[in-house]
C-alpha atoms as a PDB file:
ATOM      1  CA  MET A   1      18.386  15.383   0.682  1.00  0.00           C
ATOM      2  CA  LYS A   2      16.072  13.408   2.934  1.00  0.00           C
ATOM      3  CA  SER A   3      14.481  10.363   1.312  1.00  0.00           C
ATOM      4  CA  GLU A   4      10.932   9.569   2.353  1.00  0.00           C
ATOM      5  CA  THR A   5       8.340   7.070   1.254  1.00  0.00           C
ATOM      6  CA  ILE A   6       4.593   7.528   1.161  1.00  0.00           C
ATOM      7  CA  SER A   7       2.982   4.319   2.426  1.00  0.00           C
ATOM      8  CA  LEU A   8      -0.581   3.117   2.615  1.00  0.00           C
ATOM      9  CA  GLN A   9      -2.389  -0.119   3.348  1.00  0.00           C
ATOM     10  CA  VAL A  10      -5.196  -1.622   1.293  1.00  0.00           C
ATOM     11  CA  HIS A  11      -7.313  -4.716   1.938  1.00  0.00           C
ATOM     12  CA  GLU A  12      -6.042  -7.453  -0.404  1.00  0.00           C
ATOM     13  CA  ALA A  13      -9.516  -7.910  -1.936  1.00  0.00           C
ATOM     14  CA  ASN A  14      -9.774  -4.226  -2.941  1.00  0.00           C
ATOM     15  CA  SER A  15      -8.370  -4.760  -6.440  1.00  0.00           C
ATOM     16  CA  HIS A  16      -9.693  -1.469  -7.860  1.00  0.00           C
ATOM     17  CA  THR A  17      -7.846   0.605  -5.263  1.00  0.00           C
ATOM     18  CA  ILE A  18      -4.681  -1.474  -5.634  1.00  0.00           C
ATOM     19  CA  GLN A  19      -4.652  -0.993  -9.415  1.00  0.00           C
ATOM     20  CA  PHE A  20      -5.433   2.727  -9.046  1.00  0.00           C
ATOM     21  CA  HIS A  21      -2.402   3.304  -6.824  1.00  0.00           C
ATOM     22  CA  LYS A  22      -0.118   1.073  -8.923  1.00  0.00           C
ATOM     23  CA  HIS A  23      -1.085   3.162 -11.961  1.00  0.00           C
ATOM     24  CA  PHE A  24       0.430   6.178 -10.188  1.00  0.00           C
ATOM     25  CA  GLY A  25       3.677   4.396  -9.297  1.00  0.00           C
ATOM     26  CA  PHE A  26       2.969   2.723  -5.964  1.00  0.00           C
ATOM     27  CA  VAL A  27       4.580  -0.695  -5.532  1.00  0.00           C
ATOM     28  CA  GLN A  28       3.772  -3.446  -3.044  1.00  0.00           C
ATOM     29  CA  THR A  29       6.278  -3.401  -0.208  1.00  0.00           C
ATOM     30  CA  GLY A  30       4.693  -5.850   2.225  1.00  0.00           C
ATOM     31  CA  VAL A  31       1.756  -7.782   3.600  1.00  0.00           C
ATOM     32  CA  ASP A  32       0.344  -7.408   7.120  1.00  0.00           C
ATOM     33  CA  LEU A  33      -2.542  -8.664   9.209  1.00  0.00           C
ATOM     34  CA  PHE A  34      -5.052  -6.065  10.381  1.00  0.00           C
ATOM     35  CA  SER A  35      -6.781  -7.274  13.537  1.00  0.00           C
ATOM     36  CA  VAL A  36     -10.400  -6.444  14.246  1.00  0.00           C
ATOM     37  CA  ARG A  37     -12.902  -7.819  16.713  1.00  0.00           C
ATOM     38  CA  GLU A  38     -14.124 -10.529  14.310  1.00  0.00           C
ATOM     39  CA  GLY A  39     -10.622 -11.739  13.444  1.00  0.00           C
ATOM     40  CA  SER A  40      -7.961 -10.451  11.120  1.00  0.00           C
ATOM     41  CA  HIS A  41      -7.680  -9.399   7.483  1.00  0.00           C
ATOM     42  CA  ARG A  42      -4.683  -9.374   5.159  1.00  0.00           C
ATOM     43  CA  VAL A  43      -3.704  -5.931   3.923  1.00  0.00           C
ATOM     44  CA  LEU A  44      -1.108  -5.009   1.336  1.00  0.00           C
ATOM     45  CA  THR A  45       1.352  -2.224   2.073  1.00  0.00           C
ATOM     46  CA  LEU A  46       2.010  -0.027  -0.966  1.00  0.00           C
ATOM     47  CA  GLY A  47       4.809   2.525  -1.143  1.00  0.00           C
ATOM     48  CA  LEU A  48       5.792   5.476  -3.333  1.00  0.00           C
ATOM     49  CA  THR A  49       9.268   6.988  -3.248  1.00  0.00           C
ATOM     50  CA  PRO A  50      10.016  10.676  -4.022  1.00  0.00           C
ATOM     51  CA  ALA A  51      11.712   9.774  -7.318  1.00  0.00           C
ATOM     52  CA  ARG A  52       8.353   8.463  -8.553  1.00  0.00           C
ATOM     53  CA  LEU A  53       6.607  11.694  -7.552  1.00  0.00           C
ATOM     54  CA  VAL A  54       8.446  13.753 -10.182  1.00  0.00           C
END
């Protein structure tokens, strides 16, 4: 069986969205910088594995 992970990135200041996804089993798997014209912003990477989907 192929194991896959659903991943998404959320701005670190977006606490409502972070808590929403954690409620459904997402866990933080990393931190990245998202570059835009004005500079960069820290984003959290959240992941959900198939075992948590069941």
